[in-house]
Every structure is written in C-alpha cells, then in structure tokens.
PDB file of all heavy atoms in Angstrom:
ATOM      1  N   PRO A   1      24.146  27.089 -11.633  1.00  0.00           N
ATOM      2  CA  PRO A   1      23.525  26.323 -10.550  1.00  0.00           C
ATOM      3  C   PRO A   1      23.399  27.106  -9.246  1.00  0.00           C
ATOM      4  O   PRO A   1      22.524  26.819  -8.447  1.00  0.00           O
ATOM      5  CB  PRO A   1      24.462  25.127 -10.361  1.00  0.00           C
ATOM      6  CG  PRO A   1      25.235  25.039 -11.608  1.00  0.00           C
ATOM      7  CD  PRO A   1      25.307  26.418 -12.172  1.00  0.00           C
ATOM      8  N   LEU A   2      24.259  28.090  -9.050  1.00  0.00           N
ATOM      9  CA  LEU A   2      24.186  28.868  -7.816  1.00  0.00           C
ATOM     10  C   LEU A   2      22.934  29.734  -7.764  1.00  0.00           C
ATOM     11  O   LEU A   2      22.492  30.126  -6.706  1.00  0.00           O
ATOM     12  CB  LEU A   2      25.435  29.746  -7.668  1.00  0.00           C
ATOM     13  CG  LEU A   2      26.751  29.001  -7.557  1.00  0.00           C
ATOM     14  CD1 LEU A   2      27.907  29.992  -7.512  1.00  0.00           C
ATOM     15  CD2 LEU A   2      26.762  28.103  -6.352  1.00  0.00           C
ATOM     16  N   SER A   3      22.373  30.052  -8.918  1.00  0.00           N
ATOM     17  CA  SER A   3      21.193  30.903  -8.935  1.00  0.00           C
ATOM     18  C   SER A   3      19.892  30.112  -8.849  1.00  0.00           C
ATOM     19  O   SER A   3      18.820  30.686  -8.823  1.00  0.00           O
ATOM     20  CB  SER A   3      21.191  31.764 -10.205  1.00  0.00           C
ATOM     21  OG  SER A   3      21.041  30.923 -11.334  1.00  0.00           O
ATOM     22  N   ALA A   4      19.978  28.790  -8.847  1.00  0.00           N
ATOM     23  CA  ALA A   4      18.774  27.960  -8.803  1.00  0.00           C
ATOM     24  C   ALA A   4      18.081  28.096  -7.455  1.00  0.00           C
ATOM     25  O   ALA A   4      18.719  28.184  -6.413  1.00  0.00           O
ATOM     26  CB  ALA A   4      19.142  26.508  -9.054  1.00  0.00           C
ATOM     27  N   GLN A   5      16.774  28.116  -7.504  1.00  0.00           N
ATOM     28  CA  GLN A   5      15.984  28.201  -6.287  1.00  0.00           C
ATOM     29  C   GLN A   5      15.331  26.848  -6.025  1.00  0.00           C
ATOM     30  O   GLN A   5      15.034  26.101  -6.947  1.00  0.00           O
ATOM     31  CB  GLN A   5      14.906  29.283  -6.425  1.00  0.00           C
ATOM     32  CG  GLN A   5      15.465  30.670  -6.683  1.00  0.00           C
ATOM     33  CD  GLN A   5      16.297  31.190  -5.539  1.00  0.00           C
ATOM     34  OE1 GLN A   5      15.950  31.029  -4.384  1.00  0.00           O
ATOM     35  NE2 GLN A   5      17.420  31.793  -5.852  1.00  0.00           N
ATOM     36  N   ALA A   6      15.077  26.541  -4.768  1.00  0.00           N
ATOM     37  CA  ALA A   6      14.480  25.263  -4.414  1.00  0.00           C
ATOM     38  C   ALA A   6      12.963  25.342  -4.378  1.00  0.00           C
ATOM     39  O   ALA A   6      12.311  24.331  -4.179  1.00  0.00           O
ATOM     40  CB  ALA A   6      15.019  24.805  -3.068  1.00  0.00           C
ATOM     41  N   VAL A   7      12.398  26.502  -4.552  1.00  0.00           N
ATOM     42  CA  VAL A   7      10.952  26.656  -4.497  1.00  0.00           C
ATOM     43  C   VAL A   7      10.334  25.895  -5.662  1.00  0.00           C
ATOM     44  O   VAL A   7      10.679  26.121  -6.827  1.00  0.00           O
ATOM     45  CB  VAL A   7      10.540  28.145  -4.538  1.00  0.00           C
ATOM     46  CG1 VAL A   7       9.034  28.289  -4.540  1.00  0.00           C
ATOM     47  CG2 VAL A   7      11.149  28.884  -3.365  1.00  0.00           C
ATOM     48  N   GLU A   8       9.435  24.986  -5.345  1.00  0.00           N
ATOM     49  CA  GLU A   8       8.760  24.176  -6.351  1.00  0.00           C
ATOM     50  C   GLU A   8       7.569  24.945  -6.917  1.00  0.00           C
ATOM     51  O   GLU A   8       6.970  25.770  -6.213  1.00  0.00           O
ATOM     52  CB  GLU A   8       8.286  22.861  -5.728  1.00  0.00           C
ATOM     53  CG  GLU A   8       9.402  22.016  -5.162  1.00  0.00           C
ATOM     54  CD  GLU A   8      10.337  21.471  -6.208  1.00  0.00           C
ATOM     55  OE1 GLU A   8       9.863  21.171  -7.327  1.00  0.00           O
ATOM     56  OE2 GLU A   8      11.537  21.355  -5.925  1.00  0.00           O
ATOM     57  N   PRO A   9       7.194  24.659  -8.162  1.00  0.00           N
ATOM     58  CA  PRO A   9       6.046  25.360  -8.762  1.00  0.00           C
ATOM     59  C   PRO A   9       4.750  25.188  -7.974  1.00  0.00           C
ATOM     60  O   PRO A   9       3.941  26.108  -7.903  1.00  0.00           O
ATOM     61  CB  PRO A   9       5.933  24.732 -10.152  1.00  0.00           C
ATOM     62  CG  PRO A   9       7.298  24.212 -10.453  1.00  0.00           C
ATOM     63  CD  PRO A   9       7.884  23.816  -9.127  1.00  0.00           C
ATOM     64  N   ASP A  10       4.568  24.016  -7.351  1.00  0.00           N
ATOM     65  CA  ASP A  10       3.330  23.805  -6.589  1.00  0.00           C
ATOM     66  C   ASP A  10       3.298  24.606  -5.287  1.00  0.00           C
ATOM     67  O   ASP A  10       2.245  24.730  -4.660  1.00  0.00           O
ATOM     68  CB  ASP A  10       3.118  22.318  -6.308  1.00  0.00           C
ATOM     69  CG  ASP A  10       4.208  21.722  -5.434  1.00  0.00           C
ATOM     70  OD1 ASP A  10       5.357  22.197  -5.502  1.00  0.00           O
ATOM     71  OD2 ASP A  10       3.889  20.773  -4.682  1.00  0.00           O
ATOM     72  N   GLU A  11       4.429  25.159  -4.865  1.00  0.00           N
ATOM     73  CA  GLU A  11       4.478  25.981  -3.656  1.00  0.00           C
ATOM     74  C   GLU A  11       4.136  27.437  -3.943  1.00  0.00           C
ATOM     75  O   GLU A  11       3.721  28.164  -3.045  1.00  0.00           O
ATOM     76  CB  GLU A  11       5.882  25.953  -3.038  1.00  0.00           C
ATOM     77  CG  GLU A  11       6.352  24.602  -2.591  1.00  0.00           C
ATOM     78  CD  GLU A  11       7.794  24.639  -2.109  1.00  0.00           C
ATOM     79  OE1 GLU A  11       8.265  25.705  -1.665  1.00  0.00           O
ATOM     80  OE2 GLU A  11       8.459  23.608  -2.188  1.00  0.00           O
ATOM     81  N   MET A  12       4.339  27.884  -5.163  1.00  0.00           N
ATOM     82  CA  MET A  12       4.192  29.301  -5.496  1.00  0.00           C
ATOM     83  C   MET A  12       2.749  29.763  -5.389  1.00  0.00           C
ATOM     84  O   MET A  12       1.818  29.036  -5.720  1.00  0.00           O
ATOM     85  CB  MET A  12       4.713  29.563  -6.903  1.00  0.00           C
ATOM     86  CG  MET A  12       6.194  29.374  -7.041  1.00  0.00           C
ATOM     87  SD  MET A  12       6.689  29.781  -8.710  1.00  0.00           S
ATOM     88  CE  MET A  12       8.390  29.341  -8.659  1.00  0.00           C
ATOM     89  N   LEU A  13       2.622  31.001  -4.920  1.00  0.00           N
ATOM     90  CA  LEU A  13       1.305  31.611  -4.805  1.00  0.00           C
ATOM     91  C   LEU A  13       0.891  32.216  -6.145  1.00  0.00           C
ATOM     92  O   LEU A  13       1.736  32.668  -6.923  1.00  0.00           O
ATOM     93  CB  LEU A  13       1.336  32.698  -3.727  1.00  0.00           C
ATOM     94  CG  LEU A  13       1.657  32.217  -2.304  1.00  0.00           C
ATOM     95  CD1 LEU A  13       1.864  33.397  -1.386  1.00  0.00           C
ATOM     96  CD2 LEU A  13       0.545  31.316  -1.785  1.00  0.00           C
ATOM     97  N   ALA A  14      -0.405  32.237  -6.377  1.00  0.00           N
ATOM     98  CA  ALA A  14      -0.919  32.791  -7.632  1.00  0.00           C
ATOM     99  C   ALA A  14      -0.733  34.306  -7.689  1.00  0.00           C
ATOM    100  O   ALA A  14      -0.488  34.868  -8.751  1.00  0.00           O
ATOM    101  CB  ALA A  14      -2.400  32.430  -7.792  1.00  0.00           C
ATOM    102  N   ASP A  15      -0.814  34.957  -6.531  1.00  0.00           N
ATOM    103  CA  ASP A  15      -0.657  36.415  -6.463  1.00  0.00           C
ATOM    104  C   ASP A  15       0.838  36.754  -6.476  1.00  0.00           C
ATOM    105  O   ASP A  15       1.564  36.395  -5.539  1.00  0.00           O
ATOM    106  CB  ASP A  15      -1.314  36.941  -5.186  1.00  0.00           C
ATOM    107  CG  ASP A  15      -1.253  38.448  -5.049  1.00  0.00           C
ATOM    108  OD1 ASP A  15      -0.647  39.116  -5.921  1.00  0.00           O
ATOM    109  OD2 ASP A  15      -1.816  38.968  -4.065  1.00  0.00           O
ATOM    110  N   PRO A  16       1.316  37.441  -7.521  1.00  0.00           N
ATOM    111  CA  PRO A  16       2.761  37.730  -7.600  1.00  0.00           C
ATOM    112  C   PRO A  16       3.265  38.621  -6.472  1.00  0.00           C
ATOM    113  O   PRO A  16       4.421  38.520  -6.063  1.00  0.00           O
ATOM    114  CB  PRO A  16       2.933  38.407  -8.960  1.00  0.00           C
ATOM    115  CG  PRO A  16       1.585  38.728  -9.453  1.00  0.00           C
ATOM    116  CD  PRO A  16       0.591  37.929  -8.691  1.00  0.00           C
ATOM    117  N   VAL A  17       2.420  39.495  -5.939  1.00  0.00           N
ATOM    118  CA  VAL A  17       2.833  40.362  -4.834  1.00  0.00           C
ATOM    119  C   VAL A  17       3.063  39.531  -3.583  1.00  0.00           C
ATOM    120  O   VAL A  17       4.079  39.688  -2.885  1.00  0.00           O
ATOM    121  CB  VAL A  17       1.785  41.476  -4.592  1.00  0.00           C
ATOM    122  CG1 VAL A  17       2.131  42.283  -3.358  1.00  0.00           C
ATOM    123  CG2 VAL A  17       1.657  42.368  -5.814  1.00  0.00           C
ATOM    124  N   LEU A  18       2.144  38.617  -3.278  1.00  0.00           N
ATOM    125  CA  LEU A  18       2.309  37.747  -2.110  1.00  0.00           C
ATOM    126  C   LEU A  18       3.501  36.807  -2.300  1.00  0.00           C
ATOM    127  O   LEU A  18       4.231  36.530  -1.351  1.00  0.00           O
ATOM    128  CB  LEU A  18       1.038  36.932  -1.861  1.00  0.00           C
ATOM    129  CG  LEU A  18      -0.127  37.662  -1.203  1.00  0.00           C
ATOM    130  CD1 LEU A  18      -1.310  36.723  -1.021  1.00  0.00           C
ATOM    131  CD2 LEU A  18       0.275  38.246   0.137  1.00  0.00           C
ATOM    132  N   GLU A  19       3.688  36.320  -3.515  1.00  0.00           N
ATOM    133  CA  GLU A  19       4.820  35.433  -3.787  1.00  0.00           C
ATOM    134  C   GLU A  19       6.142  36.166  -3.560  1.00  0.00           C
ATOM    135  O   GLU A  19       7.077  35.617  -2.980  1.00  0.00           O
ATOM    136  CB  GLU A  19       4.745  34.877  -5.205  1.00  0.00           C
ATOM    137  CG  GLU A  19       5.889  33.959  -5.577  1.00  0.00           C
ATOM    138  CD  GLU A  19       6.000  32.722  -4.699  1.00  0.00           C
ATOM    139  OE1 GLU A  19       4.975  32.236  -4.161  1.00  0.00           O
ATOM    140  OE2 GLU A  19       7.130  32.226  -4.533  1.00  0.00           O
ATOM    141  N   GLU A  20       6.202  37.409  -3.995  1.00  0.00           N
ATOM    142  CA  GLU A  20       7.422  38.205  -3.785  1.00  0.00           C
ATOM    143  C   GLU A  20       7.662  38.433  -2.294  1.00  0.00           C
ATOM    144  O   GLU A  20       8.802  38.340  -1.826  1.00  0.00           O
ATOM    145  CB  GLU A  20       7.335  39.536  -4.535  1.00  0.00           C
ATOM    146  CG  GLU A  20       8.563  40.396  -4.404  1.00  0.00           C
ATOM    147  CD  GLU A  20       9.844  39.735  -4.904  1.00  0.00           C
ATOM    148  OE1 GLU A  20       9.779  38.949  -5.862  1.00  0.00           O
ATOM    149  OE2 GLU A  20      10.913  40.007  -4.319  1.00  0.00           O
ATOM    150  N   ARG A  21       6.608  38.700  -1.551  1.00  0.00           N
ATOM    151  CA  ARG A  21       6.752  38.862  -0.090  1.00  0.00           C
ATOM    152  C   ARG A  21       7.235  37.560   0.533  1.00  0.00           C
ATOM    153  O   ARG A  21       8.086  37.569   1.428  1.00  0.00           O
ATOM    154  CB  ARG A  21       5.421  39.288   0.529  1.00  0.00           C
ATOM    155  CG  ARG A  21       5.072  40.736   0.276  1.00  0.00           C
ATOM    156  CD  ARG A  21       3.739  41.126   0.888  1.00  0.00           C
ATOM    157  NE  ARG A  21       3.675  40.830   2.309  1.00  0.00           N
ATOM    158  CZ  ARG A  21       2.515  40.663   2.976  1.00  0.00           C
ATOM    159  NH1 ARG A  21       1.359  40.778   2.344  1.00  0.00           N
ATOM    160  NH2 ARG A  21       2.526  40.402   4.264  1.00  0.00           N
ATOM    161  N   ALA A  22       6.708  36.434   0.071  1.00  0.00           N
ATOM    162  CA  ALA A  22       7.126  35.133   0.605  1.00  0.00           C
ATOM    163  C   ALA A  22       8.615  34.904   0.329  1.00  0.00           C
ATOM    164  O   ALA A  22       9.345  34.403   1.192  1.00  0.00           O
ATOM    165  CB  ALA A  22       6.290  34.017  -0.017  1.00  0.00           C
ATOM    166  N   ARG A  23       9.058  35.298  -0.852  1.00  0.00           N
ATOM    167  CA  ARG A  23      10.476  35.143  -1.198  1.00  0.00           C
ATOM    168  C   ARG A  23      11.356  36.013  -0.309  1.00  0.00           C
ATOM    169  O   ARG A  23      12.423  35.597   0.121  1.00  0.00           O
ATOM    170  CB  ARG A  23      10.731  35.499  -2.664  1.00  0.00           C
ATOM    171  CG  ARG A  23      10.089  34.565  -3.659  1.00  0.00           C
ATOM    172  CD  ARG A  23      10.821  33.223  -3.629  1.00  0.00           C
ATOM    173  NE  ARG A  23      10.247  32.299  -4.577  1.00  0.00           N
ATOM    174  CZ  ARG A  23      10.815  31.967  -5.719  1.00  0.00           C
ATOM    175  NH1 ARG A  23      11.969  32.478  -6.062  1.00  0.00           N
ATOM    176  NH2 ARG A  23      10.232  31.103  -6.515  1.00  0.00           N
ATOM    177  N   VAL A  24      10.925  37.228  -0.045  1.00  0.00           N
ATOM    178  CA  VAL A  24      11.689  38.139   0.809  1.00  0.00           C
ATOM    179  C   VAL A  24      11.802  37.559   2.220  1.00  0.00           C
ATOM    180  O   VAL A  24      12.887  37.547   2.819  1.00  0.00           O
ATOM    181  CB  VAL A  24      11.036  39.542   0.838  1.00  0.00           C
ATOM    182  CG1 VAL A  24      11.644  40.409   1.926  1.00  0.00           C
ATOM    183  CG2 VAL A  24      11.168  40.215  -0.520  1.00  0.00           C
ATOM    184  N   ILE A  25      10.696  37.054   2.745  1.00  0.00           N
ATOM    185  CA  ILE A  25      10.708  36.462   4.093  1.00  0.00           C
ATOM    186  C   ILE A  25      11.594  35.220   4.107  1.00  0.00           C
ATOM    187  O   ILE A  25      12.392  35.014   5.026  1.00  0.00           O
ATOM    188  CB  ILE A  25       9.272  36.123   4.545  1.00  0.00           C
ATOM    189  CG1 ILE A  25       8.453  37.399   4.710  1.00  0.00           C
ATOM    190  CG2 ILE A  25       9.289  35.330   5.845  1.00  0.00           C
ATOM    191  CD1 ILE A  25       6.962  37.165   4.877  1.00  0.00           C
ATOM    192  N   SER A  26      11.470  34.388   3.082  1.00  0.00           N
ATOM    193  CA  SER A  26      12.219  33.133   3.019  1.00  0.00           C
ATOM    194  C   SER A  26      13.724  33.356   2.963  1.00  0.00           C
ATOM    195  O   SER A  26      14.502  32.516   3.420  1.00  0.00           O
ATOM    196  CB  SER A  26      11.788  32.320   1.798  1.00  0.00           C
ATOM    197  OG  SER A  26      10.448  31.928   1.929  1.00  0.00           O
ATOM    198  N   LYS A  27      14.164  34.467   2.396  1.00  0.00           N
ATOM    199  CA  LYS A  27      15.598  34.767   2.315  1.00  0.00           C
ATOM    200  C   LYS A  27      16.194  35.064   3.697  1.00  0.00           C
ATOM    201  O   LYS A  27      17.404  34.984   3.879  1.00  0.00           O
ATOM    202  CB  LYS A  27      15.850  35.972   1.399  1.00  0.00           C
ATOM    203  CG  LYS A  27      15.547  35.714  -0.043  1.00  0.00           C
ATOM    204  CD  LYS A  27      16.651  34.937  -0.687  1.00  0.00           C
ATOM    205  CE  LYS A  27      16.386  34.804  -2.171  1.00  0.00           C
ATOM    206  NZ  LYS A  27      17.213  33.794  -2.770  1.00  0.00           N
ATOM    207  N   ASP A  28      15.348  35.416   4.661  1.00  0.00           N
ATOM    208  CA  ASP A  28      15.832  35.752   6.001  1.00  0.00           C
ATOM    209  C   ASP A  28      15.689  34.600   6.995  1.00  0.00           C
ATOM    210  O   ASP A  28      16.064  34.738   8.153  1.00  0.00           O
ATOM    211  CB  ASP A  28      15.082  36.971   6.546  1.00  0.00           C
ATOM    212  CG  ASP A  28      15.433  38.246   5.810  1.00  0.00           C
ATOM    213  OD1 ASP A  28      16.553  38.318   5.258  1.00  0.00           O
ATOM    214  OD2 ASP A  28      14.597  39.165   5.781  1.00  0.00           O
ATOM    215  N   LEU A  29      15.140  33.471   6.539  1.00  0.00           N
ATOM    216  CA  LEU A  29      14.939  32.334   7.429  1.00  0.00           C
ATOM    217  C   LEU A  29      15.930  31.221   7.097  1.00  0.00           C
ATOM    218  O   LEU A  29      16.114  30.858   5.950  1.00  0.00           O
ATOM    219  CB  LEU A  29      13.497  31.811   7.308  1.00  0.00           C
ATOM    220  CG  LEU A  29      12.409  32.789   7.728  1.00  0.00           C
ATOM    221  CD1 LEU A  29      11.031  32.200   7.444  1.00  0.00           C
ATOM    222  CD2 LEU A  29      12.531  33.162   9.188  1.00  0.00           C
ATOM    223  N   ARG A  30      16.540  30.669   8.140  1.00  0.00           N
ATOM    224  CA  ARG A  30      17.560  29.624   7.998  1.00  0.00           C
ATOM    225  C   ARG A  30      16.883  28.254   7.946  1.00  0.00           C
ATOM    226  O   ARG A  30      15.971  27.963   8.701  1.00  0.00           O
ATOM    227  CB  ARG A  30      18.487  29.673   9.214  1.00  0.00           C
ATOM    228  CG  ARG A  30      19.564  28.626   9.248  1.00  0.00           C
ATOM    229  CD  ARG A  30      20.288  28.564  10.602  1.00  0.00           C
ATOM    230  NE  ARG A  30      20.495  29.837  11.229  1.00  0.00           N
ATOM    231  CZ  ARG A  30      21.566  30.613  11.034  1.00  0.00           C
ATOM    232  NH1 ARG A  30      22.504  30.225  10.213  1.00  0.00           N
ATOM    233  NH2 ARG A  30      21.680  31.759  11.652  1.00  0.00           N
ATOM    234  N   CYS A  31      17.396  27.414   7.062  1.00  0.00           N
ATOM    235  CA  CYS A  31      16.965  26.022   7.044  1.00  0.00           C
ATOM    236  C   CYS A  31      17.586  25.353   8.272  1.00  0.00           C
ATOM    237  O   CYS A  31      18.810  25.390   8.441  1.00  0.00           O
ATOM    238  CB  CYS A  31      17.422  25.341   5.762  1.00  0.00           C
ATOM    239  SG  CYS A  31      17.095  23.565   5.755  1.00  0.00           S
ATOM    240  N   VAL A  32      16.773  24.751   9.098  1.00  0.00           N
ATOM    241  CA  VAL A  32      17.290  24.166  10.344  1.00  0.00           C
ATOM    242  C   VAL A  32      18.076  22.882  10.091  1.00  0.00           C
ATOM    243  O   VAL A  32      18.797  22.429  10.964  1.00  0.00           O
ATOM    244  CB  VAL A  32      16.157  23.920  11.369  1.00  0.00           C
ATOM    245  CG1 VAL A  32      15.570  25.235  11.832  1.00  0.00           C
ATOM    246  CG2 VAL A  32      15.085  23.021  10.802  1.00  0.00           C
ATOM    247  N   VAL A  33      17.966  22.330   8.898  1.00  0.00           N
ATOM    248  CA  VAL A  33      18.729  21.136   8.538  1.00  0.00           C
ATOM    249  C   VAL A  33      20.048  21.530   7.867  1.00  0.00           C
ATOM    250  O   VAL A  33      21.105  21.005   8.191  1.00  0.00           O
ATOM    251  CB  VAL A  33      17.911  20.224   7.600  1.00  0.00           C
ATOM    252  CG1 VAL A  33      18.742  19.044   7.112  1.00  0.00           C
ATOM    253  CG2 VAL A  33      16.656  19.736   8.301  1.00  0.00           C
ATOM    254  N   CYS A  34      19.975  22.475   6.934  1.00  0.00           N
ATOM    255  CA  CYS A  34      21.149  22.871   6.143  1.00  0.00           C
ATOM    256  C   CYS A  34      22.031  23.870   6.878  1.00  0.00           C
ATOM    257  O   CYS A  34      23.106  24.197   6.413  1.00  0.00           O
ATOM    258  CB  CYS A  34      20.711  23.495   4.819  1.00  0.00           C
ATOM    259  SG  CYS A  34      19.589  22.441   3.898  1.00  0.00           S
ATOM    260  N   GLN A  35      21.584  24.411   7.948  1.00  0.00           N
ATOM    261  CA  GLN A  35      22.276  25.326   8.842  1.00  0.00           C
ATOM    262  C   GLN A  35      22.482  26.721   8.289  1.00  0.00           C
ATOM    263  O   GLN A  35      21.850  27.632   8.755  1.00  0.00           O
ATOM    264  CB  GLN A  35      23.585  24.730   9.327  1.00  0.00           C
ATOM    265  CG  GLN A  35      23.336  23.510  10.172  1.00  0.00           C
ATOM    266  CD  GLN A  35      24.566  23.039  10.873  1.00  0.00           C
ATOM    267  OE1 GLN A  35      25.607  23.648  10.806  1.00  0.00           O
ATOM    268  NE2 GLN A  35      24.458  21.936  11.581  1.00  0.00           N
ATOM    269  N   ASN A  36      23.337  26.928   7.320  1.00  0.00           N
ATOM    270  CA  ASN A  36      23.589  28.310   6.905  1.00  0.00           C
ATOM    271  C   ASN A  36      23.062  28.580   5.499  1.00  0.00           C
ATOM    272  O   ASN A  36      23.670  29.295   4.731  1.00  0.00           O
ATOM    273  CB  ASN A  36      25.076  28.647   6.995  1.00  0.00           C
ATOM    274  CG  ASN A  36      25.280  30.115   7.288  1.00  0.00           C
ATOM    275  OD1 ASN A  36      24.389  30.775   7.811  1.00  0.00           O
ATOM    276  ND2 ASN A  36      26.426  30.651   6.944  1.00  0.00           N
ATOM    277  N   GLN A  37      21.909  28.021   5.198  1.00  0.00           N
ATOM    278  CA  GLN A  37      21.272  28.206   3.905  1.00  0.00           C
ATOM    279  C   GLN A  37      19.854  28.684   4.160  1.00  0.00           C
ATOM    280  O   GLN A  37      19.184  28.196   5.065  1.00  0.00           O
ATOM    281  CB  GLN A  37      21.270  26.881   3.146  1.00  0.00           C
ATOM    282  CG  GLN A  37      20.830  26.971   1.727  1.00  0.00           C
ATOM    283  CD  GLN A  37      20.961  25.619   1.027  1.00  0.00           C
ATOM    284  OE1 GLN A  37      21.092  24.591   1.675  1.00  0.00           O
ATOM    285  NE2 GLN A  37      20.906  25.638  -0.273  1.00  0.00           N
ATOM    286  N   ASP A  38      19.400  29.664   3.375  1.00  0.00           N
ATOM    287  CA  ASP A  38      18.039  30.130   3.578  1.00  0.00           C
ATOM    288  C   ASP A  38      17.057  29.099   3.048  1.00  0.00           C
ATOM    289  O   ASP A  38      17.387  28.259   2.215  1.00  0.00           O
ATOM    290  CB  ASP A  38      17.818  31.505   2.921  1.00  0.00           C
ATOM    291  CG  ASP A  38      18.024  31.476   1.428  1.00  0.00           C
ATOM    292  OD1 ASP A  38      17.262  30.785   0.737  1.00  0.00           O
ATOM    293  OD2 ASP A  38      18.941  32.169   0.950  1.00  0.00           O
ATOM    294  N   ILE A  39      15.811  29.148   3.549  1.00  0.00           N
ATOM    295  CA  ILE A  39      14.823  28.144   3.170  1.00  0.00           C
ATOM    296  C   ILE A  39      14.406  28.286   1.707  1.00  0.00           C
ATOM    297  O   ILE A  39      13.905  27.341   1.109  1.00  0.00           O
ATOM    298  CB  ILE A  39      13.579  28.181   4.085  1.00  0.00           C
ATOM    299  CG1 ILE A  39      12.825  29.494   3.970  1.00  0.00           C
ATOM    300  CG2 ILE A  39      13.955  27.876   5.514  1.00  0.00           C
ATOM    301  CD1 ILE A  39      11.473  29.499   4.658  1.00  0.00           C
ATOM    302  N   ASP A  40      14.623  29.442   1.125  1.00  0.00           N
ATOM    303  CA  ASP A  40      14.246  29.666  -0.261  1.00  0.00           C
ATOM    304  C   ASP A  40      15.116  28.854  -1.217  1.00  0.00           C
ATOM    305  O   ASP A  40      14.674  28.466  -2.292  1.00  0.00           O
ATOM    306  CB  ASP A  40      14.353  31.156  -0.594  1.00  0.00           C
ATOM    307  CG  ASP A  40      13.551  31.538  -1.815  1.00  0.00           C
ATOM    308  OD1 ASP A  40      12.451  30.974  -2.000  1.00  0.00           O
ATOM    309  OD2 ASP A  40      14.006  32.398  -2.582  1.00  0.00           O
TER     310      ASP A  40
END
C-alpha cells in the first residue's frame, strides 16, 4: 500500500514523456491539505 499512487487514470497524459515529467514535478509539490505528502 505504501507504493500506491493517487494519480487516477483519467488524469494521466497520453504522452509518456510528459506524464513522467508531471510525476517528477508532482513529487516536489506538497499537498496543502495533507501537509507533508506530495500531490502525486
């Protein structure tokens, strides 16, 4: 369960390169509700 991601299939980009970039960016952004959890 710790490896599960919250990204829904309808959010994913069709281009795998852009999707990977989105994942990299999302790992550095904090969820403003969850506090110390990344948005990914």
